[in-house]
Amino acid sequence: MVAFVQISVSDPGELNSLRKLVQRIPGLEIEQVPGRPGPGEQGTLDLLQVAATAGGGGGALLLMIRTLPEFIRSRRRDVSIALKSGELELTITAATAEDAVELIAKTLDARRP
């Protein structure tokens, strides 16, 4: 089983920095892909498609998620990160960073077979 997470950043100038950070984590495959426009939208920003395999990839995915609050706090201006996996969607901001990591960890644990 492969877990997929889509990650988008509110500031498109930060996507490259986020991609470089995520690429350092072993056990993950990262691809930058164009986003899909929603109803009434004419354009979208690129996003990261992150894949983790069941053979240890879940731990790598959790490690990636735990690095996101530090990434957000290290930015000079406010930035938010949106995560989507299947029907689950979550936006992390500097104000919610620690709570979001805990929620994501619980969600990942609950979804394990």
C-alpha atoms as a PDB file:
ATOM      1  CA  MET A   1       0.000   0.000   0.000  1.00  0.00           C
ATOM      2  CA  VAL A   2       1.272   3.455  -0.893  1.00  0.00           C
ATOM      3  CA  ALA A   3       0.221   6.583   0.999  1.00  0.00           C
ATOM      4  CA  PHE A   4      -0.099   9.770  -1.032  1.00  0.00           C
ATOM      5  CA  VAL A   5      -0.169  13.307   0.323  1.00  0.00           C
ATOM      6  CA  GLN A   6      -0.540  16.459  -1.734  1.00  0.00           C
ATOM      7  CA  ILE A   7       1.124  19.538  -0.275  1.00  0.00           C
ATOM      8  CA  SER A   8       0.531  23.101  -1.394  1.00  0.00           C
ATOM      9  CA  VAL A   9       1.973  26.331  -0.026  1.00  0.00           C
ATOM     10  CA  SER A  10       0.175  29.673   0.217  1.00  0.00           C
ATOM     11  CA  ASP A  11       3.282  31.463  -1.069  1.00  0.00           C
ATOM     12  CA  PRO A  12       4.356  29.895  -4.386  1.00  0.00           C
ATOM     13  CA  GLY A  13       7.868  31.241  -3.859  1.00  0.00           C
ATOM     14  CA  GLU A  14       8.278  28.841  -0.932  1.00  0.00           C
ATOM     15  CA  LEU A  15       7.426  25.635  -2.831  1.00  0.00           C
ATOM     16  CA  ASN A  16      11.013  25.038  -3.962  1.00  0.00           C
ATOM     17  CA  SER A  17      12.326  25.412  -0.392  1.00  0.00           C
ATOM     18  CA  LEU A  18       9.686  23.018   0.891  1.00  0.00           C
ATOM     19  CA  ARG A  19      10.483  20.495  -1.856  1.00  0.00           C
ATOM     20  CA  LYS A  20      14.190  20.591  -0.952  1.00  0.00           C
ATOM     21  CA  LEU A  21      13.334  19.990   2.708  1.00  0.00           C
ATOM     22  CA  VAL A  22      11.050  17.040   1.955  1.00  0.00           C
ATOM     23  CA  GLN A  23      13.564  15.498  -0.471  1.00  0.00           C
ATOM     24  CA  ARG A  24      16.028  15.071   2.398  1.00  0.00           C
ATOM     25  CA  ILE A  25      13.743  12.532   4.087  1.00  0.00           C
ATOM     26  CA  PRO A  26      14.522   8.960   2.987  1.00  0.00           C
ATOM     27  CA  GLY A  27      11.588   6.715   2.090  1.00  0.00           C
ATOM     28  CA  LEU A  28       9.574   9.359   0.261  1.00  0.00           C
ATOM     29  CA  GLU A  29       9.097  10.013  -3.433  1.00  0.00           C
ATOM     30  CA  ILE A  30       8.373  13.664  -4.257  1.00  0.00           C
ATOM     31  CA  GLU A  31       7.061  15.054  -7.525  1.00  0.00           C
ATOM     32  CA  GLN A  32       6.134  18.647  -8.290  1.00  0.00           C
ATOM     33  CA  VAL A  33       2.872  18.671 -10.246  1.00  0.00           C
ATOM     34  CA  PRO A  34       0.444  21.329 -11.456  1.00  0.00           C
ATOM     35  CA  GLY A  35      -2.599  21.796  -9.262  1.00  0.00           C
ATOM     36  CA  ARG A  36      -6.122  21.311 -10.562  1.00  0.00           C
ATOM     37  CA  PRO A  37      -8.403  24.320 -10.744  1.00  0.00           C
ATOM     38  CA  GLY A  38     -11.586  24.169  -8.718  1.00  0.00           C
ATOM     39  CA  PRO A  39     -14.989  25.287  -9.961  1.00  0.00           C
ATOM     40  CA  GLY A  40     -14.780  28.882 -11.173  1.00  0.00           C
ATOM     41  CA  GLU A  41     -10.963  29.010 -10.908  1.00  0.00           C
ATOM     42  CA  GLN A  42      -8.851  29.775 -13.946  1.00  0.00           C
ATOM     43  CA  GLY A  43      -5.410  28.926 -12.654  1.00  0.00           C
ATOM     44  CA  THR A  44      -3.688  26.965  -9.940  1.00  0.00           C
ATOM     45  CA  LEU A  45      -0.356  26.781  -8.196  1.00  0.00           C
ATOM     46  CA  ASP A  46       1.973  23.810  -8.397  1.00  0.00           C
ATOM     47  CA  LEU A  47       1.930  21.361  -5.530  1.00  0.00           C
ATOM     48  CA  LEU A  48       4.024  18.506  -4.243  1.00  0.00           C
ATOM     49  CA  GLN A  49       2.807  14.929  -4.590  1.00  0.00           C
ATOM     50  CA  VAL A  50       4.483  12.872  -1.869  1.00  0.00           C
ATOM     51  CA  ALA A  51       4.330   9.078  -1.894  1.00  0.00           C
ATOM     52  CA  ALA A  52       5.399   6.778   0.916  1.00  0.00           C
ATOM     53  CA  THR A  53       5.421   3.002   0.671  1.00  0.00           C
ATOM     54  CA  ALA A  54       4.061   0.814   3.466  1.00  0.00           C
ATOM     55  CA  GLY A  55       7.506  -0.680   4.126  1.00  0.00           C
ATOM     56  CA  GLY A  56       8.664   2.107   6.433  1.00  0.00           C
ATOM     57  CA  GLY A  57       7.244   4.905   4.338  1.00  0.00           C
ATOM     58  CA  GLY A  58       4.575   5.716   6.939  1.00  0.00           C
ATOM     59  CA  GLY A  59       7.322   6.625   9.397  1.00  0.00           C
ATOM     60  CA  ALA A  60       8.990   8.776   6.746  1.00  0.00           C
ATOM     61  CA  LEU A  61       5.672  10.475   6.041  1.00  0.00           C
ATOM     62  CA  LEU A  62       5.182  11.210   9.727  1.00  0.00           C
ATOM     63  CA  LEU A  63       8.749  12.579   9.928  1.00  0.00           C
ATOM     64  CA  MET A  64       7.974  14.857   6.982  1.00  0.00           C
ATOM     65  CA  ILE A  65       4.821  16.118   8.675  1.00  0.00           C
ATOM     66  CA  ARG A  66       6.720  16.785  11.894  1.00  0.00           C
ATOM     67  CA  THR A  67       9.169  19.015   9.993  1.00  0.00           C
ATOM     68  CA  LEU A  68       6.411  21.270   8.625  1.00  0.00           C
ATOM     69  CA  PRO A  69       5.914  23.427  11.762  1.00  0.00           C
ATOM     70  CA  GLU A  70       9.598  24.361  11.811  1.00  0.00           C
ATOM     71  CA  PHE A  71       9.441  25.179   8.114  1.00  0.00           C
ATOM     72  CA  ILE A  72       6.437  27.442   8.696  1.00  0.00           C
ATOM     73  CA  ARG A  73       8.011  29.189  11.683  1.00  0.00           C
ATOM     74  CA  SER A  74      11.285  29.773   9.807  1.00  0.00           C
ATOM     75  CA  ARG A  75       9.603  31.834   7.077  1.00  0.00           C
ATOM     76  CA  ARG A  76       9.970  35.625   7.211  1.00  0.00           C
ATOM     77  CA  ARG A  77       6.311  36.193   6.457  1.00  0.00           C
ATOM     78  CA  ASP A  78       3.168  34.254   7.155  1.00  0.00           C
ATOM     79  CA  VAL A  79       2.832  31.109   5.103  1.00  0.00           C
ATOM     80  CA  SER A  80       0.427  28.212   5.352  1.00  0.00           C
ATOM     81  CA  ILE A  81       0.698  24.666   4.077  1.00  0.00           C
ATOM     82  CA  ALA A  82      -2.302  22.647   2.923  1.00  0.00           C
ATOM     83  CA  LEU A  83      -2.191  18.856   3.082  1.00  0.00           C
ATOM     84  CA  LYS A  84      -4.612  16.546   1.312  1.00  0.00           C
ATOM     85  CA  SER A  85      -4.758  12.778   1.459  1.00  0.00           C
ATOM     86  CA  GLY A  86      -7.866  11.160   0.034  1.00  0.00           C
ATOM     87  CA  GLU A  87     -10.829  12.865   1.658  1.00  0.00           C
ATOM     88  CA  LEU A  88      -8.726  14.361   4.466  1.00  0.00           C
ATOM     89  CA  GLU A  89      -7.662  17.990   4.141  1.00  0.00           C
ATOM     90  CA  LEU A  90      -5.783  20.145   6.631  1.00  0.00           C
ATOM     91  CA  THR A  91      -4.208  23.590   6.499  1.00  0.00           C
ATOM     92  CA  ILE A  92      -1.315  24.322   8.840  1.00  0.00           C
ATOM     93  CA  THR A  93      -0.420  27.878   9.852  1.00  0.00           C
ATOM     94  CA  ALA A  94       2.114  29.143  12.371  1.00  0.00           C
ATOM     95  CA  ALA A  95      -0.660  29.465  14.967  1.00  0.00           C
ATOM     96  CA  THR A  96      -1.850  25.870  14.487  1.00  0.00           C
ATOM     97  CA  ALA A  97       1.435  24.135  13.701  1.00  0.00           C
ATOM     98  CA  GLU A  98       1.872  22.060  16.866  1.00  0.00           C
ATOM     99  CA  ASP A  99      -1.803  21.080  17.113  1.00  0.00           C
ATOM    100  CA  ALA A 100      -1.809  20.084  13.448  1.00  0.00           C
ATOM    101  CA  VAL A 101       1.144  17.725  13.858  1.00  0.00           C
ATOM    102  CA  GLU A 102      -0.591  15.944  16.736  1.00  0.00           C
ATOM    103  CA  LEU A 103      -3.836  15.658  14.746  1.00  0.00           C
ATOM    104  CA  ILE A 104      -2.043  14.324  11.672  1.00  0.00           C
ATOM    105  CA  ALA A 105      -0.126  11.760  13.731  1.00  0.00           C
ATOM    106  CA  LYS A 106      -3.375  10.476  15.255  1.00  0.00           C
ATOM    107  CA  THR A 107      -5.025  10.346  11.842  1.00  0.00           C
ATOM    108  CA  LEU A 108      -2.149   8.370  10.335  1.00  0.00           C
ATOM    109  CA  ASP A 109      -2.211   5.928  13.260  1.00  0.00           C
ATOM    110  CA  ALA A 110      -5.976   5.455  12.880  1.00  0.00           C
ATOM    111  CA  ARG A 111      -5.681   4.724   9.150  1.00  0.00           C
ATOM    112  CA  ARG A 112      -3.074   1.972   9.520  1.00  0.00           C
ATOM    113  CA  PRO A 113      -4.434  -1.518   8.805  1.00  0.00           C
END
